[in-house]
Amino acid sequence: MSASSTESPPRRGAAPEDTRRRIEDTADRLFRTMGYQKTAVADIARELGMSPANVYRFFASKSAINEAIAARTLDAMRAEIDAIADGPGTAPERLRRLYSRLFELKLIHFFQERRLHDMVIAAMEESWAVVADYIAGVRRAVARIIRDGIAAGDFRPGDPDRLAALASHAMVAWNHPALIETCIARKGQTVEELRAQAAEMTDFILAALRR
């Protein structure tokens, strides 16, 4: 039985939001199984029992579909980071947990789910707003932790936003999917080595922030 035979056709009179969601869900599945580059809008339409022209009524391009899927993935990741930033513990403890979790999320979403890595790299290459929003959201979460640490006397006085930007720049090698891929695939570093490096850099940042 073909995959398309298991898909129900678009419901007559379905709300536009429902149809958009079905297109996103189907594209997400195909991107994960076939790969982003190998999946065409015609493949997505076929799975849904729709014409490509009907898909284009809701998304102007395959890139627009990928952008919507990337937004869902990155929003879920950012929600975890916000929960850590606003959760219990001292500022140093939360910052350590935040950077550790950021690294693990990159591994989970972009390497264990290899096809997602290709999608996000495409998003970064096209400078999509969803990627910029995600990066800005993570930086705001770091700034909130630093602001709390300054207020509690754990960190030295300073501009939390500027300090968060500096910390984010310092951690970029362990947070950018393309750079992580370079370290693993081209330099031969292991995940354990990168994880240890990320922890060491976090220690370095915490030392710089302390009074």
N, C-alpha and C. Protein backbone atom coordinates (compact mmCIF):
# COMPACT_ATOMS: atom_id res chain seq x y z
N MET A 1 0.86 -1.19 0.00
CA MET A 1 0.00 0.00 0.00
C MET A 1 0.88 1.23 0.00
N SER A 2 0.60 2.20 -0.83
CA SER A 2 1.43 3.41 -0.90
C SER A 2 1.10 4.32 0.26
N ALA A 3 2.05 5.18 0.59
CA ALA A 3 1.84 6.11 1.71
C ALA A 3 0.68 7.02 1.42
N SER A 4 0.49 7.40 0.13
CA SER A 4 -0.55 8.35 -0.18
C SER A 4 -1.93 7.78 0.03
N SER A 5 -2.04 6.42 -0.03
CA SER A 5 -3.36 5.83 0.13
C SER A 5 -3.82 5.89 1.57
N THR A 6 -2.90 6.15 2.49
CA THR A 6 -3.29 6.23 3.90
C THR A 6 -3.71 7.63 4.29
N GLU A 7 -3.51 8.59 3.42
CA GLU A 7 -3.86 9.97 3.73
C GLU A 7 -5.30 10.26 3.34
N SER A 8 -6.01 10.93 4.22
CA SER A 8 -7.37 11.34 3.88
C SER A 8 -7.31 12.60 3.05
N PRO A 9 -8.18 12.74 2.05
CA PRO A 9 -8.16 13.94 1.23
C PRO A 9 -8.58 15.15 2.05
N PRO A 10 -8.24 16.34 1.60
CA PRO A 10 -8.65 17.54 2.33
C PRO A 10 -10.16 17.57 2.52
N ARG A 11 -10.57 17.90 3.71
CA ARG A 11 -12.00 17.95 4.00
C ARG A 11 -12.61 19.18 3.33
N ARG A 12 -13.74 18.93 2.66
CA ARG A 12 -14.44 20.05 2.03
C ARG A 12 -14.89 21.03 3.11
N GLY A 13 -14.56 22.27 2.93
CA GLY A 13 -14.95 23.29 3.89
C GLY A 13 -14.07 23.36 5.11
N ALA A 14 -12.92 22.62 5.09
CA ALA A 14 -12.01 22.65 6.23
C ALA A 14 -11.45 24.06 6.42
N ALA A 15 -11.24 24.41 7.67
CA ALA A 15 -10.68 25.73 7.96
C ALA A 15 -9.28 25.84 7.36
N PRO A 16 -8.90 27.02 6.87
CA PRO A 16 -7.56 27.19 6.30
C PRO A 16 -6.45 26.79 7.27
N GLU A 17 -6.65 27.06 8.58
CA GLU A 17 -5.63 26.70 9.55
C GLU A 17 -5.45 25.20 9.62
N ASP A 18 -6.57 24.44 9.50
CA ASP A 18 -6.48 22.97 9.53
C ASP A 18 -5.72 22.46 8.31
N THR A 19 -6.00 23.03 7.16
CA THR A 19 -5.31 22.59 5.95
C THR A 19 -3.83 22.92 6.02
N ARG A 20 -3.51 24.11 6.50
CA ARG A 20 -2.10 24.47 6.65
C ARG A 20 -1.40 23.49 7.59
N ARG A 21 -2.05 23.14 8.67
CA ARG A 21 -1.46 22.22 9.64
C ARG A 21 -1.23 20.86 9.00
N ARG A 22 -2.17 20.38 8.19
CA ARG A 22 -2.02 19.08 7.54
C ARG A 22 -0.87 19.11 6.54
N ILE A 23 -0.73 20.21 5.85
CA ILE A 23 0.39 20.35 4.91
C ILE A 23 1.71 20.33 5.68
N GLU A 24 1.77 21.07 6.77
CA GLU A 24 2.99 21.11 7.59
C GLU A 24 3.32 19.72 8.13
N ASP A 25 2.31 19.03 8.67
CA ASP A 25 2.55 17.71 9.25
C ASP A 25 3.05 16.73 8.20
N THR A 26 2.44 16.75 7.03
CA THR A 26 2.84 15.84 5.96
C THR A 26 4.24 16.17 5.46
N ALA A 27 4.52 17.45 5.27
CA ALA A 27 5.85 17.86 4.83
C ALA A 27 6.91 17.50 5.87
N ASP A 28 6.58 17.69 7.14
CA ASP A 28 7.51 17.35 8.21
C ASP A 28 7.88 15.87 8.14
N ARG A 29 6.89 15.02 7.95
CA ARG A 29 7.14 13.57 7.86
C ARG A 29 8.00 13.23 6.65
N LEU A 30 7.70 13.85 5.52
CA LEU A 30 8.47 13.56 4.31
C LEU A 30 9.90 14.11 4.41
N PHE A 31 10.03 15.29 4.99
CA PHE A 31 11.38 15.85 5.16
C PHE A 31 12.24 14.94 6.03
N ARG A 32 11.60 14.33 7.05
CA ARG A 32 12.34 13.45 7.96
C ARG A 32 12.70 12.12 7.30
N THR A 33 11.85 11.63 6.42
CA THR A 33 12.08 10.32 5.81
C THR A 33 12.83 10.40 4.48
N MET A 34 12.44 11.33 3.62
CA MET A 34 13.05 11.46 2.31
C MET A 34 14.21 12.45 2.28
N GLY A 35 14.18 13.41 3.20
CA GLY A 35 15.17 14.48 3.20
C GLY A 35 14.58 15.75 2.61
N TYR A 36 15.03 16.87 3.14
CA TYR A 36 14.49 18.15 2.71
C TYR A 36 14.76 18.40 1.23
N GLN A 37 15.99 18.16 0.80
CA GLN A 37 16.36 18.47 -0.58
C GLN A 37 15.64 17.57 -1.58
N LYS A 38 15.35 16.34 -1.19
CA LYS A 38 14.74 15.37 -2.12
C LYS A 38 13.22 15.46 -2.17
N THR A 39 12.63 16.16 -1.22
CA THR A 39 11.17 16.28 -1.18
C THR A 39 10.73 17.48 -1.99
N ALA A 40 9.80 17.26 -2.91
CA ALA A 40 9.24 18.34 -3.72
C ALA A 40 7.82 18.64 -3.25
N VAL A 41 7.34 19.81 -3.60
CA VAL A 41 5.96 20.17 -3.25
C VAL A 41 5.00 19.17 -3.86
N ALA A 42 5.33 18.63 -5.04
CA ALA A 42 4.47 17.63 -5.67
C ALA A 42 4.35 16.38 -4.80
N ASP A 43 5.43 16.00 -4.11
CA ASP A 43 5.38 14.84 -3.21
C ASP A 43 4.44 15.11 -2.04
N ILE A 44 4.51 16.31 -1.49
CA ILE A 44 3.64 16.68 -0.38
C ILE A 44 2.18 16.67 -0.83
N ALA A 45 1.93 17.25 -1.99
CA ALA A 45 0.56 17.29 -2.52
C ALA A 45 0.04 15.88 -2.76
N ARG A 46 0.86 15.00 -3.30
CA ARG A 46 0.44 13.63 -3.59
C ARG A 46 0.04 12.91 -2.31
N GLU A 47 0.81 13.08 -1.27
CA GLU A 47 0.50 12.43 0.01
C GLU A 47 -0.85 12.89 0.57
N LEU A 48 -1.18 14.13 0.29
CA LEU A 48 -2.42 14.71 0.82
C LEU A 48 -3.61 14.53 -0.12
N GLY A 49 -3.36 13.99 -1.33
CA GLY A 49 -4.44 13.90 -2.30
C GLY A 49 -4.86 15.25 -2.82
N MET A 50 -3.90 16.18 -2.85
CA MET A 50 -4.16 17.53 -3.33
C MET A 50 -3.33 17.78 -4.58
N SER A 51 -3.63 18.86 -5.26
CA SER A 51 -2.79 19.29 -6.38
C SER A 51 -1.71 20.22 -5.83
N PRO A 52 -0.54 20.28 -6.48
CA PRO A 52 0.49 21.23 -6.04
C PRO A 52 -0.04 22.66 -6.00
N ALA A 53 -0.92 23.00 -6.96
CA ALA A 53 -1.47 24.36 -6.98
C ALA A 53 -2.24 24.66 -5.70
N ASN A 54 -2.92 23.64 -5.16
CA ASN A 54 -3.67 23.84 -3.92
C ASN A 54 -2.72 24.06 -2.74
N VAL A 55 -1.60 23.33 -2.74
CA VAL A 55 -0.61 23.54 -1.68
C VAL A 55 -0.08 24.97 -1.75
N TYR A 56 0.17 25.46 -2.98
CA TYR A 56 0.71 26.81 -3.13
C TYR A 56 -0.30 27.88 -2.73
N ARG A 57 -1.56 27.52 -2.59
CA ARG A 57 -2.53 28.48 -2.06
C ARG A 57 -2.23 28.83 -0.61
N PHE A 58 -1.61 27.89 0.10
CA PHE A 58 -1.35 28.07 1.52
C PHE A 58 0.11 28.42 1.82
N PHE A 59 1.03 27.97 0.95
CA PHE A 59 2.44 28.26 1.13
C PHE A 59 3.02 28.65 -0.22
N ALA A 60 3.73 29.76 -0.25
CA ALA A 60 4.23 30.27 -1.52
C ALA A 60 5.33 29.40 -2.12
N SER A 61 6.00 28.59 -1.28
CA SER A 61 7.12 27.79 -1.76
C SER A 61 7.41 26.67 -0.77
N LYS A 62 8.27 25.75 -1.18
CA LYS A 62 8.71 24.70 -0.25
C LYS A 62 9.46 25.32 0.92
N SER A 63 10.23 26.37 0.65
CA SER A 63 10.95 27.06 1.72
C SER A 63 10.00 27.61 2.77
N ALA A 64 8.84 28.11 2.33
CA ALA A 64 7.86 28.64 3.28
C ALA A 64 7.30 27.53 4.17
N ILE A 65 7.14 26.33 3.60
CA ILE A 65 6.68 25.19 4.40
C ILE A 65 7.75 24.84 5.43
N ASN A 66 9.00 24.78 4.96
CA ASN A 66 10.10 24.45 5.87
C ASN A 66 10.23 25.49 6.98
N GLU A 67 10.01 26.74 6.63
CA GLU A 67 10.08 27.80 7.64
C GLU A 67 9.05 27.57 8.75
N ALA A 68 7.84 27.17 8.35
CA ALA A 68 6.79 26.91 9.34
C ALA A 68 7.16 25.73 10.23
N ILE A 69 7.73 24.69 9.64
CA ILE A 69 8.13 23.52 10.42
C ILE A 69 9.30 23.87 11.35
N ALA A 70 10.27 24.63 10.82
CA ALA A 70 11.39 25.06 11.65
C ALA A 70 10.91 25.89 12.83
N ALA A 71 9.91 26.72 12.60
CA ALA A 71 9.36 27.55 13.68
C ALA A 71 8.80 26.68 14.79
N ARG A 72 8.07 25.61 14.42
CA ARG A 72 7.51 24.72 15.44
C ARG A 72 8.63 24.06 16.26
N THR A 73 9.66 23.57 15.57
CA THR A 73 10.76 22.89 16.26
C THR A 73 11.52 23.86 17.17
N LEU A 74 11.86 25.02 16.65
CA LEU A 74 12.63 25.98 17.42
C LEU A 74 11.82 26.57 18.57
N ASP A 75 10.51 26.75 18.37
CA ASP A 75 9.66 27.25 19.46
C ASP A 75 9.62 26.27 20.62
N ALA A 76 9.57 24.97 20.30
CA ALA A 76 9.57 23.95 21.36
C ALA A 76 10.89 23.96 22.11
N MET A 77 11.99 24.12 21.39
CA MET A 77 13.30 24.19 22.03
C MET A 77 13.40 25.41 22.92
N ARG A 78 12.92 26.54 22.41
CA ARG A 78 13.00 27.77 23.19
C ARG A 78 12.14 27.70 24.44
N ALA A 79 11.02 26.98 24.38
CA ALA A 79 10.17 26.83 25.56
C ALA A 79 10.92 26.11 26.67
N GLU A 80 11.72 25.11 26.30
CA GLU A 80 12.53 24.41 27.31
C GLU A 80 13.56 25.35 27.93
N ILE A 81 14.17 26.16 27.10
CA ILE A 81 15.19 27.09 27.59
C ILE A 81 14.57 28.13 28.51
N ASP A 82 13.39 28.63 28.14
CA ASP A 82 12.70 29.61 28.99
C ASP A 82 12.36 28.99 30.34
N ALA A 83 11.96 27.71 30.32
CA ALA A 83 11.60 27.03 31.58
C ALA A 83 12.81 26.93 32.50
N ILE A 84 13.97 26.68 31.93
CA ILE A 84 15.19 26.62 32.74
C ILE A 84 15.56 28.01 33.27
N ALA A 85 15.49 29.01 32.38
CA ALA A 85 15.86 30.37 32.78
C ALA A 85 14.98 30.90 33.89
N ASP A 86 13.70 30.56 33.85
CA ASP A 86 12.74 31.08 34.83
C ASP A 86 12.45 30.09 35.95
N GLY A 87 13.19 28.98 35.99
CA GLY A 87 12.94 27.94 36.97
C GLY A 87 13.71 28.13 38.26
N PRO A 88 13.76 27.10 39.08
CA PRO A 88 14.42 27.19 40.39
C PRO A 88 15.94 27.13 40.27
N GLY A 89 16.60 27.51 41.34
CA GLY A 89 18.06 27.43 41.39
C GLY A 89 18.71 28.79 41.34
N THR A 90 19.97 28.83 41.71
CA THR A 90 20.73 30.07 41.64
C THR A 90 21.00 30.40 40.16
N ALA A 91 21.42 31.63 39.94
CA ALA A 91 21.72 32.03 38.57
C ALA A 91 22.85 31.18 37.97
N PRO A 92 23.95 30.93 38.67
CA PRO A 92 24.99 30.07 38.09
C PRO A 92 24.47 28.67 37.77
N GLU A 93 23.64 28.11 38.65
CA GLU A 93 23.09 26.78 38.39
C GLU A 93 22.20 26.77 37.16
N ARG A 94 21.37 27.79 37.02
CA ARG A 94 20.47 27.84 35.86
C ARG A 94 21.23 28.07 34.57
N LEU A 95 22.27 28.92 34.61
CA LEU A 95 23.03 29.17 33.39
C LEU A 95 23.76 27.89 32.96
N ARG A 96 24.27 27.14 33.91
CA ARG A 96 24.94 25.88 33.58
C ARG A 96 23.94 24.90 32.96
N ARG A 97 22.76 24.79 33.56
CA ARG A 97 21.74 23.90 33.02
C ARG A 97 21.30 24.34 31.63
N LEU A 98 21.16 25.65 31.44
CA LEU A 98 20.70 26.17 30.15
C LEU A 98 21.67 25.81 29.03
N TYR A 99 22.96 26.06 29.23
CA TYR A 99 23.91 25.79 28.15
C TYR A 99 24.09 24.28 27.93
N SER A 100 23.99 23.51 29.00
CA SER A 100 24.06 22.06 28.84
C SER A 100 22.88 21.55 28.02
N ARG A 101 21.70 22.05 28.34
CA ARG A 101 20.51 21.60 27.62
C ARG A 101 20.50 22.08 26.17
N LEU A 102 21.00 23.28 25.93
CA LEU A 102 21.09 23.78 24.56
C LEU A 102 21.91 22.83 23.70
N PHE A 103 23.05 22.40 24.20
CA PHE A 103 23.89 21.49 23.45
C PHE A 103 23.18 20.16 23.21
N GLU A 104 22.54 19.63 24.23
CA GLU A 104 21.85 18.34 24.08
C GLU A 104 20.69 18.45 23.10
N LEU A 105 19.98 19.58 23.11
CA LEU A 105 18.88 19.76 22.16
C LEU A 105 19.38 19.77 20.73
N LYS A 106 20.55 20.37 20.50
CA LYS A 106 21.11 20.36 19.15
C LYS A 106 21.39 18.94 18.69
N LEU A 107 21.92 18.12 19.61
CA LEU A 107 22.20 16.73 19.26
C LEU A 107 20.91 15.97 18.96
N ILE A 108 19.91 16.16 19.80
CA ILE A 108 18.65 15.43 19.65
C ILE A 108 17.96 15.80 18.35
N HIS A 109 17.80 17.08 18.13
CA HIS A 109 16.97 17.53 17.01
C HIS A 109 17.71 17.52 15.67
N PHE A 110 18.99 17.80 15.68
CA PHE A 110 19.66 18.02 14.42
C PHE A 110 20.66 16.94 14.03
N PHE A 111 20.92 15.97 14.94
CA PHE A 111 21.85 14.91 14.58
C PHE A 111 21.23 13.53 14.75
N GLN A 112 20.54 13.29 15.85
CA GLN A 112 19.78 12.05 15.95
C GLN A 112 18.66 12.06 14.92
N GLU A 113 18.07 13.22 14.71
CA GLU A 113 17.10 13.44 13.62
C GLU A 113 17.86 14.12 12.50
N ARG A 114 18.64 13.36 11.74
CA ARG A 114 19.56 13.94 10.77
C ARG A 114 18.84 14.80 9.73
N ARG A 115 17.65 14.39 9.32
CA ARG A 115 16.94 15.15 8.30
C ARG A 115 16.59 16.55 8.80
N LEU A 116 16.34 16.68 10.11
CA LEU A 116 16.04 17.99 10.66
C LEU A 116 17.26 18.91 10.57
N HIS A 117 18.42 18.32 10.68
CA HIS A 117 19.65 19.12 10.55
C HIS A 117 19.68 19.81 9.19
N ASP A 118 19.36 19.07 8.14
CA ASP A 118 19.36 19.65 6.80
C ASP A 118 18.34 20.77 6.68
N MET A 119 17.19 20.61 7.32
CA MET A 119 16.16 21.63 7.27
C MET A 119 16.62 22.91 7.94
N VAL A 120 17.22 22.78 9.11
CA VAL A 120 17.62 23.98 9.86
C VAL A 120 18.81 24.66 9.19
N ILE A 121 19.73 23.87 8.62
CA ILE A 121 20.84 24.48 7.89
C ILE A 121 20.29 25.29 6.72
N ALA A 122 19.28 24.74 6.02
CA ALA A 122 18.65 25.49 4.93
C ALA A 122 18.03 26.78 5.46
N ALA A 123 17.41 26.71 6.62
CA ALA A 123 16.81 27.90 7.22
C ALA A 123 17.86 28.95 7.53
N MET A 124 18.99 28.51 8.07
CA MET A 124 20.05 29.46 8.42
C MET A 124 20.65 30.09 7.17
N GLU A 125 20.82 29.28 6.12
CA GLU A 125 21.39 29.81 4.89
C GLU A 125 20.49 30.85 4.24
N GLU A 126 19.18 30.71 4.46
CA GLU A 126 18.25 31.65 3.87
C GLU A 126 17.90 32.79 4.83
N SER A 127 18.55 32.78 6.02
CA SER A 127 18.37 33.86 7.01
C SER A 127 16.90 34.06 7.36
N TRP A 128 16.22 32.98 7.63
CA TRP A 128 14.81 33.08 7.96
C TRP A 128 14.61 33.78 9.29
N ALA A 129 13.52 34.49 9.38
CA ALA A 129 13.21 35.25 10.60
C ALA A 129 13.04 34.32 11.80
N VAL A 130 12.54 33.10 11.58
CA VAL A 130 12.30 32.20 12.70
C VAL A 130 13.61 31.84 13.39
N VAL A 131 14.70 31.73 12.63
CA VAL A 131 15.99 31.43 13.23
C VAL A 131 16.49 32.61 14.06
N ALA A 132 16.35 33.81 13.50
CA ALA A 132 16.75 35.02 14.23
C ALA A 132 15.92 35.17 15.50
N ASP A 133 14.62 34.87 15.43
CA ASP A 133 13.76 34.97 16.61
C ASP A 133 14.20 33.98 17.69
N TYR A 134 14.56 32.77 17.26
CA TYR A 134 15.01 31.75 18.21
C TYR A 134 16.29 32.20 18.91
N ILE A 135 17.26 32.67 18.13
CA ILE A 135 18.53 33.11 18.71
C ILE A 135 18.30 34.26 19.68
N ALA A 136 17.45 35.21 19.29
CA ALA A 136 17.15 36.35 20.17
C ALA A 136 16.45 35.89 21.43
N GLY A 137 15.57 34.90 21.31
CA GLY A 137 14.86 34.39 22.48
C GLY A 137 15.79 33.72 23.47
N VAL A 138 16.74 32.94 22.97
CA VAL A 138 17.71 32.29 23.85
C VAL A 138 18.57 33.34 24.54
N ARG A 139 18.96 34.36 23.79
CA ARG A 139 19.80 35.42 24.38
C ARG A 139 19.03 36.17 25.47
N ARG A 140 17.74 36.39 25.25
CA ARG A 140 16.93 37.05 26.30
C ARG A 140 16.85 36.17 27.55
N ALA A 141 16.76 34.86 27.37
CA ALA A 141 16.71 33.95 28.52
C ALA A 141 18.01 34.02 29.31
N VAL A 142 19.14 34.07 28.61
CA VAL A 142 20.43 34.19 29.28
C VAL A 142 20.52 35.53 30.02
N ALA A 143 20.03 36.59 29.39
CA ALA A 143 20.06 37.90 30.03
C ALA A 143 19.23 37.92 31.31
N ARG A 144 18.10 37.22 31.31
CA ARG A 144 17.27 37.17 32.53
C ARG A 144 18.03 36.49 33.67
N ILE A 145 18.74 35.41 33.35
CA ILE A 145 19.51 34.73 34.37
C ILE A 145 20.61 35.64 34.90
N ILE A 146 21.30 36.31 33.99
CA ILE A 146 22.39 37.20 34.42
C ILE A 146 21.84 38.34 35.26
N ARG A 147 20.70 38.89 34.88
CA ARG A 147 20.08 39.97 35.65
C ARG A 147 19.76 39.48 37.07
N ASP A 148 19.24 38.26 37.19
CA ASP A 148 18.95 37.70 38.51
C ASP A 148 20.24 37.51 39.30
N GLY A 149 21.30 37.06 38.60
CA GLY A 149 22.57 36.83 39.30
C GLY A 149 23.18 38.12 39.81
N ILE A 150 23.04 39.20 39.04
CA ILE A 150 23.54 40.50 39.49
C ILE A 150 22.76 40.97 40.72
N ALA A 151 21.44 40.81 40.65
CA ALA A 151 20.60 41.24 41.78
C ALA A 151 20.89 40.45 43.04
N ALA A 152 21.24 39.16 42.88
CA ALA A 152 21.51 38.31 44.04
C ALA A 152 22.95 38.44 44.54
N GLY A 153 23.78 39.17 43.80
CA GLY A 153 25.16 39.31 44.20
C GLY A 153 26.06 38.18 43.73
N ASP A 154 25.52 37.26 42.90
CA ASP A 154 26.34 36.15 42.38
C ASP A 154 27.24 36.62 41.23
N PHE A 155 26.77 37.61 40.47
CA PHE A 155 27.52 38.12 39.33
C PHE A 155 27.89 39.57 39.57
N ARG A 156 28.95 39.99 38.91
CA ARG A 156 29.40 41.37 39.02
C ARG A 156 28.41 42.30 38.31
N PRO A 157 28.35 43.57 38.68
CA PRO A 157 27.44 44.51 38.01
C PRO A 157 27.81 44.65 36.53
N GLY A 158 26.81 44.89 35.73
CA GLY A 158 27.02 45.08 34.30
C GLY A 158 25.70 45.11 33.57
N ASP A 159 25.75 45.31 32.27
CA ASP A 159 24.56 45.32 31.42
C ASP A 159 24.20 43.88 31.08
N PRO A 160 23.08 43.35 31.59
CA PRO A 160 22.74 41.95 31.34
C PRO A 160 22.62 41.60 29.86
N ASP A 161 22.08 42.51 29.06
CA ASP A 161 21.92 42.22 27.64
C ASP A 161 23.29 42.10 26.95
N ARG A 162 24.19 43.01 27.27
CA ARG A 162 25.53 42.96 26.66
C ARG A 162 26.28 41.72 27.13
N LEU A 163 26.18 41.40 28.41
CA LEU A 163 26.86 40.22 28.93
C LEU A 163 26.28 38.95 28.33
N ALA A 164 24.98 38.92 28.11
CA ALA A 164 24.34 37.76 27.47
C ALA A 164 24.82 37.60 26.04
N ALA A 165 24.99 38.72 25.34
CA ALA A 165 25.49 38.66 23.96
C ALA A 165 26.91 38.11 23.93
N LEU A 166 27.76 38.56 24.86
CA LEU A 166 29.13 38.07 24.92
C LEU A 166 29.16 36.58 25.24
N ALA A 167 28.32 36.16 26.19
CA ALA A 167 28.26 34.74 26.55
C ALA A 167 27.78 33.90 25.37
N SER A 168 26.81 34.41 24.64
CA SER A 168 26.29 33.68 23.48
C SER A 168 27.35 33.52 22.39
N HIS A 169 28.13 34.57 22.18
CA HIS A 169 29.22 34.49 21.20
C HIS A 169 30.25 33.44 21.64
N ALA A 170 30.52 33.39 22.93
CA ALA A 170 31.51 32.44 23.43
C ALA A 170 31.04 30.99 23.26
N MET A 171 29.72 30.76 23.28
CA MET A 171 29.17 29.41 23.21
C MET A 171 28.76 29.00 21.80
N VAL A 172 29.00 29.83 20.82
CA VAL A 172 28.47 29.57 19.48
C VAL A 172 28.97 28.25 18.90
N ALA A 173 30.20 27.86 19.18
CA ALA A 173 30.74 26.63 18.61
C ALA A 173 29.98 25.39 19.06
N TRP A 174 29.31 25.47 20.20
CA TRP A 174 28.56 24.33 20.73
C TRP A 174 27.06 24.51 20.58
N ASN A 175 26.65 25.54 19.85
CA ASN A 175 25.23 25.79 19.65
C ASN A 175 24.83 25.93 18.18
N HIS A 176 25.79 26.12 17.31
CA HIS A 176 25.49 26.26 15.89
C HIS A 176 25.57 24.87 15.24
N PRO A 177 24.47 24.36 14.66
CA PRO A 177 24.49 23.00 14.10
C PRO A 177 25.60 22.77 13.09
N ALA A 178 25.88 23.75 12.23
CA ALA A 178 26.92 23.57 11.21
C ALA A 178 28.30 23.44 11.85
N LEU A 179 28.55 24.20 12.92
CA LEU A 179 29.85 24.13 13.58
C LEU A 179 30.01 22.82 14.35
N ILE A 180 28.92 22.36 14.96
CA ILE A 180 28.97 21.06 15.64
C ILE A 180 29.25 19.96 14.62
N GLU A 181 28.59 20.04 13.48
CA GLU A 181 28.81 19.04 12.42
C GLU A 181 30.27 19.05 11.96
N THR A 182 30.85 20.24 11.82
CA THR A 182 32.25 20.35 11.40
C THR A 182 33.17 19.67 12.41
N CYS A 183 32.92 19.90 13.68
CA CYS A 183 33.76 19.31 14.71
C CYS A 183 33.65 17.78 14.71
N ILE A 184 32.45 17.25 14.49
CA ILE A 184 32.25 15.81 14.54
C ILE A 184 32.68 15.14 13.24
N ALA A 185 32.20 15.66 12.11
CA ALA A 185 32.42 14.98 10.84
C ALA A 185 33.80 15.25 10.24
N ARG A 186 34.30 16.46 10.41
CA ARG A 186 35.55 16.82 9.74
C ARG A 186 36.75 16.79 10.66
N LYS A 187 36.55 17.14 11.92
CA LYS A 187 37.68 17.16 12.85
C LYS A 187 37.79 15.88 13.67
N GLY A 188 36.75 15.04 13.58
CA GLY A 188 36.80 13.75 14.26
C GLY A 188 36.60 13.80 15.75
N GLN A 189 36.06 14.90 16.26
CA GLN A 189 35.80 14.99 17.69
C GLN A 189 34.56 14.18 18.05
N THR A 190 34.58 13.63 19.25
CA THR A 190 33.43 12.85 19.71
C THR A 190 32.42 13.77 20.41
N VAL A 191 31.21 13.27 20.54
CA VAL A 191 30.18 14.01 21.26
C VAL A 191 30.61 14.24 22.70
N GLU A 192 31.26 13.24 23.30
CA GLU A 192 31.70 13.37 24.68
C GLU A 192 32.73 14.49 24.82
N GLU A 193 33.63 14.60 23.85
CA GLU A 193 34.62 15.67 23.88
C GLU A 193 33.96 17.04 23.75
N LEU A 194 33.00 17.15 22.84
CA LEU A 194 32.32 18.43 22.67
C LEU A 194 31.50 18.78 23.90
N ARG A 195 30.88 17.78 24.50
CA ARG A 195 30.10 18.03 25.71
C ARG A 195 31.00 18.55 26.83
N ALA A 196 32.18 17.95 26.96
CA ALA A 196 33.12 18.40 27.99
C ALA A 196 33.61 19.81 27.71
N GLN A 197 33.86 20.11 26.43
CA GLN A 197 34.29 21.46 26.06
C GLN A 197 33.21 22.49 26.37
N ALA A 198 31.96 22.15 26.08
CA ALA A 198 30.86 23.07 26.37
C ALA A 198 30.77 23.35 27.87
N ALA A 199 30.99 22.32 28.68
CA ALA A 199 30.96 22.50 30.13
C ALA A 199 32.11 23.38 30.59
N GLU A 200 33.29 23.19 29.99
CA GLU A 200 34.45 24.01 30.35
C GLU A 200 34.24 25.47 29.97
N MET A 201 33.67 25.70 28.79
CA MET A 201 33.41 27.08 28.37
C MET A 201 32.36 27.72 29.28
N THR A 202 31.37 26.94 29.71
CA THR A 202 30.38 27.47 30.65
C THR A 202 31.05 27.88 31.95
N ASP A 203 32.00 27.05 32.44
CA ASP A 203 32.75 27.41 33.64
C ASP A 203 33.51 28.73 33.42
N PHE A 204 34.09 28.88 32.24
CA PHE A 204 34.84 30.10 31.91
C PHE A 204 33.93 31.31 31.94
N ILE A 205 32.74 31.18 31.37
CA ILE A 205 31.77 32.29 31.35
C ILE A 205 31.34 32.63 32.77
N LEU A 206 31.07 31.62 33.57
CA LEU A 206 30.65 31.86 34.96
C LEU A 206 31.76 32.55 35.75
N ALA A 207 33.00 32.16 35.50
CA ALA A 207 34.12 32.83 36.18
C ALA A 207 34.21 34.29 35.78
N ALA A 208 33.93 34.58 34.51
CA ALA A 208 33.98 35.97 34.05
C ALA A 208 32.83 36.80 34.63
N LEU A 209 31.71 36.16 34.89
CA LEU A 209 30.55 36.87 35.40
C LEU A 209 30.60 37.11 36.90
N ARG A 210 31.33 36.25 37.63
CA ARG A 210 31.32 36.37 39.09
C ARG A 210 32.01 37.65 39.54
N ARG A 211 31.64 38.06 40.73
CA ARG A 211 32.19 39.28 41.32
C ARG A 211 33.68 39.12 41.54
